[in-house]
Amino acid sequence: MPDTASTDGPPSFDDPFSGDNVEQRIYGTILQTREASTASTIAERVECDPKTARKYLSWFTDLGIVTRHNGHPTTYERNDAYFEWRRINQLAADHSVEELQGNVLELTKRISDYEDAYDAATPAAVDAVAMAEASDERTIDVVYSDLADWATAREERERYERARQQRASADGGQVSG
């Protein structure tokens, strides 16, 4: 008898897309894949025929979700630019210009605090090991955590600013700098 309790929680890490249809499994595999893969490799991962994988990969390529690399063999990879565009569009749709501006200002403040704390313009300009060795308060783990948060804040600020400009343009308003 099947274990019905397993359907109440998240899917198993071993096979997270087992209950999904082939299209969803291919999409999920593309999301998880960090390097270009052949249709056969993807088909093997999702347990489908390579022709079926090629059909969906071609469709995902047409949508901009996947980038096709012609060669022998042809490979496919996730198009990160598509997901960035999608995230910005979603932010612009979900938030007002004022909310987006508030997020930009909040992130700018957080970035400025890191710049002051580390006396650097970017996280890449900080020598984490030297910073941790010179500090009684910051362990190497704290420094690395701060640098990661700082880098994330910079990326998010860029997304929120692009979404703010997009939303302001769609609303017919002026984008202030």
N, C-alpha and C. Protein backbone atom coordinates (compact mmCIF):
# COMPACT_ATOMS: atom_id res chain seq x y z
N MET A 1 0.84 -1.18 0.00
CA MET A 1 0.00 0.00 0.00
C MET A 1 0.89 1.24 0.00
N PRO A 2 0.60 2.24 -0.84
CA PRO A 2 1.43 3.43 -0.91
C PRO A 2 1.37 4.24 0.38
N ASP A 3 2.48 4.94 0.64
CA ASP A 3 2.56 5.80 1.81
C ASP A 3 1.92 7.14 1.47
N THR A 4 0.70 7.38 1.96
CA THR A 4 -0.01 8.61 1.63
C THR A 4 0.55 9.81 2.36
N ALA A 5 1.25 9.60 3.45
CA ALA A 5 1.82 10.72 4.20
C ALA A 5 2.88 11.46 3.38
N SER A 6 3.51 10.75 2.46
CA SER A 6 4.56 11.39 1.66
C SER A 6 4.03 12.47 0.74
N THR A 7 2.74 12.46 0.40
CA THR A 7 2.18 13.48 -0.49
C THR A 7 1.85 14.76 0.26
N ASP A 8 1.88 14.73 1.61
CA ASP A 8 1.54 15.91 2.39
C ASP A 8 2.69 16.90 2.48
N GLY A 9 3.90 16.46 2.33
CA GLY A 9 5.07 17.32 2.49
C GLY A 9 5.70 17.65 1.17
N PRO A 10 6.88 18.25 1.24
CA PRO A 10 7.59 18.57 0.00
C PRO A 10 8.06 17.31 -0.69
N PRO A 11 8.34 17.40 -1.99
CA PRO A 11 8.80 16.21 -2.70
C PRO A 11 10.17 15.77 -2.20
N SER A 12 10.47 14.53 -2.43
CA SER A 12 11.75 13.97 -2.04
C SER A 12 12.88 14.67 -2.77
N PHE A 13 14.02 14.85 -2.09
CA PHE A 13 15.18 15.44 -2.75
C PHE A 13 15.73 14.49 -3.81
N ASP A 14 15.50 13.20 -3.66
CA ASP A 14 16.00 12.23 -4.62
C ASP A 14 15.34 12.38 -5.98
N ASP A 15 14.04 12.69 -6.01
CA ASP A 15 13.30 12.81 -7.26
C ASP A 15 12.20 13.87 -7.09
N PRO A 16 12.57 15.16 -7.04
CA PRO A 16 11.59 16.19 -6.74
C PRO A 16 10.50 16.39 -7.78
N PHE A 17 10.70 15.92 -9.02
CA PHE A 17 9.72 16.13 -10.08
C PHE A 17 9.00 14.86 -10.49
N SER A 18 9.03 13.84 -9.66
CA SER A 18 8.47 12.55 -10.05
C SER A 18 6.98 12.62 -10.35
N GLY A 19 6.23 13.48 -9.69
CA GLY A 19 4.80 13.57 -9.93
C GLY A 19 4.43 14.51 -11.05
N ASP A 20 5.38 15.24 -11.59
CA ASP A 20 5.11 16.22 -12.63
C ASP A 20 5.09 15.57 -14.01
N ASN A 21 4.47 16.29 -14.96
CA ASN A 21 4.50 15.78 -16.33
C ASN A 21 5.88 16.03 -16.94
N VAL A 22 6.12 15.52 -18.13
CA VAL A 22 7.43 15.58 -18.76
C VAL A 22 7.87 17.04 -18.94
N GLU A 23 6.97 17.90 -19.38
CA GLU A 23 7.32 19.31 -19.59
C GLU A 23 7.82 19.93 -18.28
N GLN A 24 7.12 19.70 -17.20
CA GLN A 24 7.52 20.24 -15.90
C GLN A 24 8.84 19.66 -15.42
N ARG A 25 9.05 18.39 -15.68
CA ARG A 25 10.31 17.76 -15.26
C ARG A 25 11.50 18.33 -16.05
N ILE A 26 11.29 18.55 -17.35
CA ILE A 26 12.36 19.14 -18.17
C ILE A 26 12.62 20.57 -17.70
N TYR A 27 11.57 21.34 -17.47
CA TYR A 27 11.72 22.71 -16.98
C TYR A 27 12.47 22.72 -15.65
N GLY A 28 12.09 21.86 -14.73
CA GLY A 28 12.76 21.77 -13.44
C GLY A 28 14.21 21.38 -13.56
N THR A 29 14.50 20.49 -14.48
CA THR A 29 15.88 20.08 -14.70
C THR A 29 16.70 21.23 -15.26
N ILE A 30 16.13 21.98 -16.20
CA ILE A 30 16.81 23.15 -16.75
C ILE A 30 17.11 24.16 -15.64
N LEU A 31 16.15 24.37 -14.74
CA LEU A 31 16.37 25.32 -13.64
C LEU A 31 17.52 24.90 -12.75
N GLN A 32 17.70 23.60 -12.58
CA GLN A 32 18.73 23.09 -11.68
C GLN A 32 20.09 22.91 -12.36
N THR A 33 20.12 22.92 -13.67
CA THR A 33 21.35 22.63 -14.41
C THR A 33 22.17 23.91 -14.56
N ARG A 34 23.42 23.84 -14.17
CA ARG A 34 24.31 25.01 -14.22
C ARG A 34 25.23 25.02 -15.43
N GLU A 35 25.15 23.99 -16.26
CA GLU A 35 26.02 23.93 -17.44
C GLU A 35 25.22 23.42 -18.62
N ALA A 36 25.72 23.71 -19.81
CA ALA A 36 25.05 23.27 -21.03
C ALA A 36 25.00 21.74 -21.06
N SER A 37 23.84 21.21 -21.43
CA SER A 37 23.63 19.76 -21.48
C SER A 37 22.97 19.38 -22.79
N THR A 38 23.22 18.16 -23.21
CA THR A 38 22.57 17.65 -24.43
C THR A 38 21.14 17.26 -24.11
N ALA A 39 20.32 17.17 -25.16
CA ALA A 39 18.94 16.72 -24.99
C ALA A 39 18.91 15.30 -24.43
N SER A 40 19.85 14.47 -24.84
CA SER A 40 19.90 13.09 -24.34
C SER A 40 20.19 13.05 -22.84
N THR A 41 21.09 13.89 -22.38
CA THR A 41 21.42 13.95 -20.95
C THR A 41 20.19 14.40 -20.15
N ILE A 42 19.50 15.42 -20.65
CA ILE A 42 18.30 15.91 -19.97
C ILE A 42 17.21 14.84 -20.01
N ALA A 43 17.05 14.18 -21.15
CA ALA A 43 16.06 13.10 -21.27
C ALA A 43 16.33 12.00 -20.27
N GLU A 44 17.58 11.66 -20.10
CA GLU A 44 17.96 10.62 -19.15
C GLU A 44 17.60 11.03 -17.72
N ARG A 45 17.86 12.28 -17.39
CA ARG A 45 17.55 12.78 -16.03
C ARG A 45 16.06 12.77 -15.74
N VAL A 46 15.25 13.10 -16.75
CA VAL A 46 13.80 13.18 -16.52
C VAL A 46 13.06 11.92 -16.94
N GLU A 47 13.83 10.94 -17.43
CA GLU A 47 13.27 9.66 -17.84
C GLU A 47 12.20 9.81 -18.92
N CYS A 48 12.65 10.39 -20.04
CA CYS A 48 11.77 10.50 -21.20
C CYS A 48 12.59 10.23 -22.45
N ASP A 49 11.93 10.14 -23.55
CA ASP A 49 12.58 9.91 -24.83
C ASP A 49 13.35 11.17 -25.24
N PRO A 50 14.55 11.04 -25.80
CA PRO A 50 15.31 12.22 -26.24
C PRO A 50 14.55 13.10 -27.25
N LYS A 51 13.71 12.50 -28.10
CA LYS A 51 12.92 13.29 -29.05
C LYS A 51 11.94 14.20 -28.30
N THR A 52 11.35 13.68 -27.24
CA THR A 52 10.44 14.47 -26.42
C THR A 52 11.20 15.61 -25.75
N ALA A 53 12.38 15.31 -25.23
CA ALA A 53 13.20 16.35 -24.60
C ALA A 53 13.55 17.43 -25.61
N ARG A 54 13.94 17.04 -26.83
CA ARG A 54 14.29 18.02 -27.86
C ARG A 54 13.08 18.91 -28.19
N LYS A 55 11.90 18.30 -28.27
CA LYS A 55 10.68 19.06 -28.57
C LYS A 55 10.47 20.15 -27.53
N TYR A 56 10.54 19.80 -26.25
CA TYR A 56 10.32 20.78 -25.19
C TYR A 56 11.47 21.77 -25.10
N LEU A 57 12.69 21.31 -25.31
CA LEU A 57 13.83 22.21 -25.27
C LEU A 57 13.75 23.24 -26.40
N SER A 58 13.28 22.81 -27.55
CA SER A 58 13.08 23.73 -28.67
C SER A 58 12.04 24.79 -28.31
N TRP A 59 10.96 24.34 -27.70
CA TRP A 59 9.89 25.25 -27.27
C TRP A 59 10.42 26.23 -26.22
N PHE A 60 11.18 25.73 -25.24
CA PHE A 60 11.76 26.59 -24.21
C PHE A 60 12.77 27.57 -24.82
N THR A 61 13.45 27.14 -25.89
CA THR A 61 14.37 28.03 -26.59
C THR A 61 13.59 29.16 -27.25
N ASP A 62 12.48 28.82 -27.91
CA ASP A 62 11.63 29.84 -28.55
C ASP A 62 11.10 30.85 -27.53
N LEU A 63 10.83 30.40 -26.32
CA LEU A 63 10.31 31.28 -25.26
C LEU A 63 11.42 32.11 -24.61
N GLY A 64 12.67 31.74 -24.85
CA GLY A 64 13.79 32.46 -24.26
C GLY A 64 14.24 31.90 -22.92
N ILE A 65 13.64 30.84 -22.47
CA ILE A 65 13.97 30.22 -21.19
C ILE A 65 15.30 29.48 -21.28
N VAL A 66 15.57 28.93 -22.45
CA VAL A 66 16.75 28.10 -22.69
C VAL A 66 17.54 28.70 -23.85
N THR A 67 18.85 28.60 -23.77
CA THR A 67 19.72 28.99 -24.87
C THR A 67 20.24 27.72 -25.54
N ARG A 68 20.09 27.68 -26.84
CA ARG A 68 20.57 26.53 -27.63
C ARG A 68 21.95 26.86 -28.18
N HIS A 69 22.87 25.93 -28.00
CA HIS A 69 24.22 26.09 -28.53
C HIS A 69 24.41 25.05 -29.64
N ASN A 70 24.46 25.54 -30.89
CA ASN A 70 24.65 24.63 -32.02
C ASN A 70 26.07 24.10 -31.99
N GLY A 71 26.20 22.88 -32.29
CA GLY A 71 27.50 22.22 -32.30
C GLY A 71 27.24 20.73 -32.44
N HIS A 72 28.26 20.00 -32.22
CA HIS A 72 28.07 18.55 -32.27
C HIS A 72 28.55 17.96 -30.97
N PRO A 73 27.68 17.63 -30.09
CA PRO A 73 26.22 17.69 -30.19
C PRO A 73 25.68 19.06 -29.78
N THR A 74 24.43 19.32 -30.13
CA THR A 74 23.75 20.53 -29.70
C THR A 74 23.54 20.45 -28.20
N THR A 75 23.76 21.56 -27.51
CA THR A 75 23.54 21.60 -26.07
C THR A 75 22.57 22.73 -25.73
N TYR A 76 22.00 22.63 -24.55
CA TYR A 76 21.03 23.60 -24.07
C TYR A 76 21.40 24.00 -22.65
N GLU A 77 21.15 25.28 -22.32
CA GLU A 77 21.37 25.71 -20.95
C GLU A 77 20.34 26.77 -20.57
N ARG A 78 20.17 26.91 -19.29
CA ARG A 78 19.22 27.90 -18.76
C ARG A 78 19.69 29.28 -19.18
N ASN A 79 18.75 30.13 -19.59
CA ASN A 79 19.04 31.51 -19.98
C ASN A 79 18.81 32.39 -18.75
N ASP A 80 19.88 32.68 -18.03
CA ASP A 80 19.75 33.47 -16.80
C ASP A 80 19.17 34.86 -17.07
N ALA A 81 19.43 35.43 -18.23
CA ALA A 81 18.89 36.75 -18.57
C ALA A 81 17.36 36.72 -18.60
N TYR A 82 16.79 35.62 -19.07
CA TYR A 82 15.33 35.48 -19.08
C TYR A 82 14.78 35.55 -17.66
N PHE A 83 15.42 34.84 -16.73
CA PHE A 83 14.92 34.79 -15.36
C PHE A 83 15.13 36.13 -14.65
N GLU A 84 16.19 36.85 -15.01
CA GLU A 84 16.40 38.20 -14.48
C GLU A 84 15.29 39.12 -14.98
N TRP A 85 15.01 39.07 -16.27
CA TRP A 85 13.94 39.87 -16.87
C TRP A 85 12.60 39.55 -16.21
N ARG A 86 12.35 38.26 -16.02
CA ARG A 86 11.10 37.84 -15.40
C ARG A 86 10.98 38.36 -13.97
N ARG A 87 12.07 38.32 -13.21
CA ARG A 87 12.06 38.82 -11.83
C ARG A 87 11.76 40.31 -11.80
N ILE A 88 12.38 41.07 -12.69
CA ILE A 88 12.16 42.52 -12.73
C ILE A 88 10.71 42.83 -13.12
N ASN A 89 10.19 42.11 -14.10
CA ASN A 89 8.79 42.31 -14.49
C ASN A 89 7.84 42.00 -13.34
N GLN A 90 8.14 40.94 -12.59
CA GLN A 90 7.29 40.58 -11.46
C GLN A 90 7.34 41.64 -10.37
N LEU A 91 8.52 42.16 -10.09
CA LEU A 91 8.65 43.24 -9.10
C LEU A 91 7.83 44.46 -9.54
N ALA A 92 7.94 44.82 -10.82
CA ALA A 92 7.22 45.98 -11.34
C ALA A 92 5.71 45.76 -11.27
N ALA A 93 5.26 44.54 -11.49
CA ALA A 93 3.83 44.24 -11.45
C ALA A 93 3.29 44.21 -10.02
N ASP A 94 4.11 43.76 -9.08
CA ASP A 94 3.65 43.55 -7.70
C ASP A 94 3.77 44.76 -6.80
N HIS A 95 4.54 45.78 -7.22
CA HIS A 95 4.81 46.90 -6.33
C HIS A 95 4.55 48.23 -7.02
N SER A 96 4.17 49.23 -6.24
CA SER A 96 4.00 50.58 -6.76
C SER A 96 5.37 51.22 -6.93
N VAL A 97 5.41 52.33 -7.65
CA VAL A 97 6.66 53.06 -7.82
C VAL A 97 7.21 53.46 -6.45
N GLU A 98 6.31 53.88 -5.56
CA GLU A 98 6.74 54.31 -4.23
C GLU A 98 7.34 53.15 -3.43
N GLU A 99 6.73 51.97 -3.52
CA GLU A 99 7.27 50.80 -2.82
C GLU A 99 8.64 50.42 -3.37
N LEU A 100 8.76 50.44 -4.68
CA LEU A 100 10.03 50.11 -5.32
C LEU A 100 11.10 51.12 -4.93
N GLN A 101 10.73 52.42 -4.92
CA GLN A 101 11.67 53.46 -4.52
C GLN A 101 12.09 53.25 -3.06
N GLY A 102 11.16 52.89 -2.20
CA GLY A 102 11.48 52.62 -0.80
C GLY A 102 12.48 51.48 -0.67
N ASN A 103 12.30 50.44 -1.46
CA ASN A 103 13.25 49.32 -1.44
C ASN A 103 14.62 49.74 -1.94
N VAL A 104 14.66 50.56 -2.99
CA VAL A 104 15.94 51.05 -3.51
C VAL A 104 16.66 51.84 -2.42
N LEU A 105 15.92 52.71 -1.72
CA LEU A 105 16.54 53.53 -0.68
C LEU A 105 17.01 52.68 0.50
N GLU A 106 16.21 51.69 0.88
CA GLU A 106 16.59 50.80 1.97
C GLU A 106 17.86 49.99 1.62
N LEU A 107 17.90 49.47 0.42
CA LEU A 107 19.07 48.71 -0.02
C LEU A 107 20.29 49.61 -0.15
N THR A 108 20.09 50.85 -0.62
CA THR A 108 21.19 51.80 -0.72
C THR A 108 21.78 52.09 0.66
N LYS A 109 20.93 52.22 1.65
CA LYS A 109 21.39 52.45 3.03
C LYS A 109 22.20 51.25 3.52
N ARG A 110 21.70 50.05 3.27
CA ARG A 110 22.41 48.85 3.69
C ARG A 110 23.78 48.75 3.02
N ILE A 111 23.83 49.07 1.74
CA ILE A 111 25.08 49.05 0.99
C ILE A 111 26.05 50.09 1.55
N SER A 112 25.54 51.27 1.82
CA SER A 112 26.37 52.34 2.38
C SER A 112 26.93 51.95 3.73
N ASP A 113 26.13 51.27 4.56
CA ASP A 113 26.62 50.80 5.86
C ASP A 113 27.78 49.82 5.69
N TYR A 114 27.67 48.92 4.71
CA TYR A 114 28.77 47.98 4.45
C TYR A 114 30.00 48.71 3.92
N GLU A 115 29.79 49.68 3.03
CA GLU A 115 30.93 50.45 2.51
C GLU A 115 31.68 51.14 3.64
N ASP A 116 30.92 51.71 4.58
CA ASP A 116 31.53 52.38 5.74
C ASP A 116 32.22 51.37 6.66
N ALA A 117 31.55 50.27 6.94
CA ALA A 117 32.09 49.28 7.87
C ALA A 117 33.37 48.65 7.35
N TYR A 118 33.46 48.45 6.06
CA TYR A 118 34.62 47.78 5.47
C TYR A 118 35.55 48.75 4.74
N ASP A 119 35.20 50.03 4.74
CA ASP A 119 36.02 51.06 4.09
C ASP A 119 36.40 50.63 2.66
N ALA A 120 35.37 50.22 1.92
CA ALA A 120 35.57 49.76 0.55
C ALA A 120 34.32 50.08 -0.28
N ALA A 121 34.51 50.19 -1.58
CA ALA A 121 33.40 50.53 -2.47
C ALA A 121 32.59 49.31 -2.90
N THR A 122 33.21 48.14 -2.88
CA THR A 122 32.52 46.91 -3.29
C THR A 122 32.98 45.76 -2.41
N PRO A 123 32.19 44.69 -2.34
CA PRO A 123 32.63 43.52 -1.58
C PRO A 123 33.91 42.91 -2.15
N ALA A 124 34.10 42.99 -3.45
CA ALA A 124 35.29 42.42 -4.09
C ALA A 124 36.56 43.13 -3.66
N ALA A 125 36.45 44.36 -3.17
CA ALA A 125 37.62 45.13 -2.75
C ALA A 125 38.07 44.78 -1.33
N VAL A 126 37.34 43.89 -0.66
CA VAL A 126 37.65 43.53 0.72
C VAL A 126 38.44 42.23 0.76
N ASP A 127 39.55 42.23 1.47
CA ASP A 127 40.32 41.01 1.72
C ASP A 127 39.73 40.40 2.99
N ALA A 128 38.90 39.40 2.82
CA ALA A 128 38.15 38.82 3.94
C ALA A 128 39.06 38.26 5.03
N VAL A 129 40.09 37.57 4.64
CA VAL A 129 41.00 36.96 5.61
C VAL A 129 41.72 38.04 6.41
N ALA A 130 42.26 39.03 5.73
CA ALA A 130 42.96 40.12 6.41
C ALA A 130 42.00 40.89 7.32
N MET A 131 40.79 41.10 6.87
CA MET A 131 39.79 41.83 7.67
C MET A 131 39.48 41.06 8.95
N ALA A 132 39.30 39.76 8.83
CA ALA A 132 38.98 38.94 10.01
C ALA A 132 40.16 38.88 10.96
N GLU A 133 41.38 38.77 10.43
CA GLU A 133 42.58 38.71 11.28
C GLU A 133 42.81 40.03 12.02
N ALA A 134 42.42 41.14 11.40
CA ALA A 134 42.64 42.46 12.00
C ALA A 134 41.53 42.85 12.98
N SER A 135 40.49 42.05 13.07
CA SER A 135 39.34 42.41 13.89
C SER A 135 39.17 41.48 15.08
N ASP A 136 38.82 42.06 16.21
CA ASP A 136 38.48 41.26 17.39
C ASP A 136 37.01 40.86 17.35
N GLU A 137 36.21 41.57 16.56
CA GLU A 137 34.75 41.37 16.55
C GLU A 137 34.26 40.52 15.38
N ARG A 138 34.99 40.51 14.29
CA ARG A 138 34.53 39.82 13.09
C ARG A 138 35.34 38.55 12.84
N THR A 139 34.66 37.43 12.88
CA THR A 139 35.31 36.18 12.49
C THR A 139 35.29 36.10 10.97
N ILE A 140 36.04 35.18 10.43
CA ILE A 140 36.05 35.01 8.97
C ILE A 140 34.65 34.69 8.45
N ASP A 141 33.89 33.91 9.23
CA ASP A 141 32.52 33.57 8.82
C ASP A 141 31.63 34.81 8.79
N VAL A 142 31.79 35.70 9.75
CA VAL A 142 31.00 36.94 9.77
C VAL A 142 31.37 37.80 8.57
N VAL A 143 32.65 37.92 8.28
CA VAL A 143 33.09 38.73 7.14
C VAL A 143 32.52 38.16 5.84
N TYR A 144 32.66 36.85 5.65
CA TYR A 144 32.12 36.25 4.43
C TYR A 144 30.60 36.43 4.34
N SER A 145 29.92 36.29 5.44
CA SER A 145 28.47 36.49 5.46
C SER A 145 28.12 37.94 5.09
N ASP A 146 28.84 38.90 5.66
CA ASP A 146 28.61 40.30 5.32
C ASP A 146 28.87 40.57 3.84
N LEU A 147 29.95 40.02 3.32
CA LEU A 147 30.28 40.25 1.92
C LEU A 147 29.22 39.66 0.99
N ALA A 148 28.73 38.49 1.35
CA ALA A 148 27.66 37.88 0.54
C ALA A 148 26.39 38.72 0.60
N ASP A 149 26.02 39.18 1.80
CA ASP A 149 24.83 40.01 1.95
C ASP A 149 24.99 41.32 1.19
N TRP A 150 26.16 41.89 1.26
CA TRP A 150 26.47 43.14 0.57
C TRP A 150 26.32 42.96 -0.95
N ALA A 151 26.90 41.89 -1.48
CA ALA A 151 26.80 41.61 -2.92
C ALA A 151 25.34 41.39 -3.33
N THR A 152 24.60 40.67 -2.50
CA THR A 152 23.18 40.44 -2.78
C THR A 152 22.40 41.75 -2.76
N ALA A 153 22.69 42.60 -1.80
CA ALA A 153 22.00 43.90 -1.71
C ALA A 153 22.27 44.74 -2.96
N ARG A 154 23.49 44.69 -3.46
CA ARG A 154 23.82 45.44 -4.68
C ARG A 154 23.02 44.90 -5.88
N GLU A 155 22.94 43.58 -6.00
CA GLU A 155 22.18 42.97 -7.10
C GLU A 155 20.69 43.30 -6.98
N GLU A 156 20.15 43.17 -5.77
CA GLU A 156 18.73 43.45 -5.56
C GLU A 156 18.40 44.92 -5.81
N ARG A 157 19.29 45.82 -5.40
CA ARG A 157 19.05 47.24 -5.65
C ARG A 157 18.93 47.50 -7.14
N GLU A 158 19.81 46.88 -7.92
CA GLU A 158 19.75 47.04 -9.37
C GLU A 158 18.41 46.53 -9.92
N ARG A 159 17.96 45.39 -9.43
CA ARG A 159 16.67 44.85 -9.88
C ARG A 159 15.52 45.78 -9.51
N TYR A 160 15.50 46.25 -8.26
CA TYR A 160 14.43 47.14 -7.82
C TYR A 160 14.46 48.45 -8.58
N GLU A 161 15.64 48.96 -8.87
CA GLU A 161 15.73 50.21 -9.63
C GLU A 161 15.22 50.00 -11.05
N ARG A 162 15.58 48.92 -11.68
CA ARG A 162 15.08 48.64 -13.03
C ARG A 162 13.57 48.45 -13.01
N ALA A 163 13.06 47.77 -11.99
CA ALA A 163 11.61 47.59 -11.87
C ALA A 163 10.92 48.93 -11.62
N ARG A 164 11.54 49.79 -10.82
CA ARG A 164 10.97 51.12 -10.55
C ARG A 164 10.88 51.93 -11.83
N GLN A 165 11.94 51.91 -12.62
CA GLN A 165 11.94 52.64 -13.89
C GLN A 165 10.88 52.08 -14.83
N GLN A 166 10.78 50.76 -14.88
CA GLN A 166 9.79 50.12 -15.75
C GLN A 166 8.38 50.48 -15.30
N ARG A 167 8.12 50.41 -14.01
CA ARG A 167 6.79 50.72 -13.49
C ARG A 167 6.44 52.19 -13.71
N ALA A 168 7.41 53.08 -13.46
CA ALA A 168 7.16 54.51 -13.67
C ALA A 168 6.86 54.79 -15.13
N SER A 169 7.58 54.13 -16.02
CA SER A 169 7.35 54.31 -17.45
C SER A 169 5.97 53.79 -17.84
N ALA A 170 5.58 52.65 -17.30
CA ALA A 170 4.28 52.05 -17.60
C ALA A 170 3.14 52.91 -17.05
N ASP A 171 3.40 53.55 -15.90
CA ASP A 171 2.39 54.40 -15.29
C ASP A 171 2.33 55.78 -15.94
N GLY A 172 3.25 56.03 -16.88
CA GLY A 172 3.27 57.33 -17.57
C GLY A 172 3.96 58.41 -16.78
N GLY A 173 4.58 58.01 -15.68
CA GLY A 173 5.25 58.99 -14.83
C GLY A 173 6.69 59.19 -15.23
N GLN A 174 7.24 60.23 -14.69
CA GLN A 174 8.64 60.53 -14.90
C GLN A 174 9.49 59.67 -13.98
N VAL A 175 10.60 59.20 -14.46
CA VAL A 175 11.55 58.44 -13.64
C VAL A 175 12.55 59.44 -13.11
N SER A 176 12.57 59.58 -11.80
CA SER A 176 13.55 60.49 -11.22
C SER A 176 14.81 59.74 -10.88
N GLY A 177 15.93 60.39 -10.96
CA GLY A 177 17.21 59.74 -10.73
C GLY A 177 17.58 59.82 -9.33
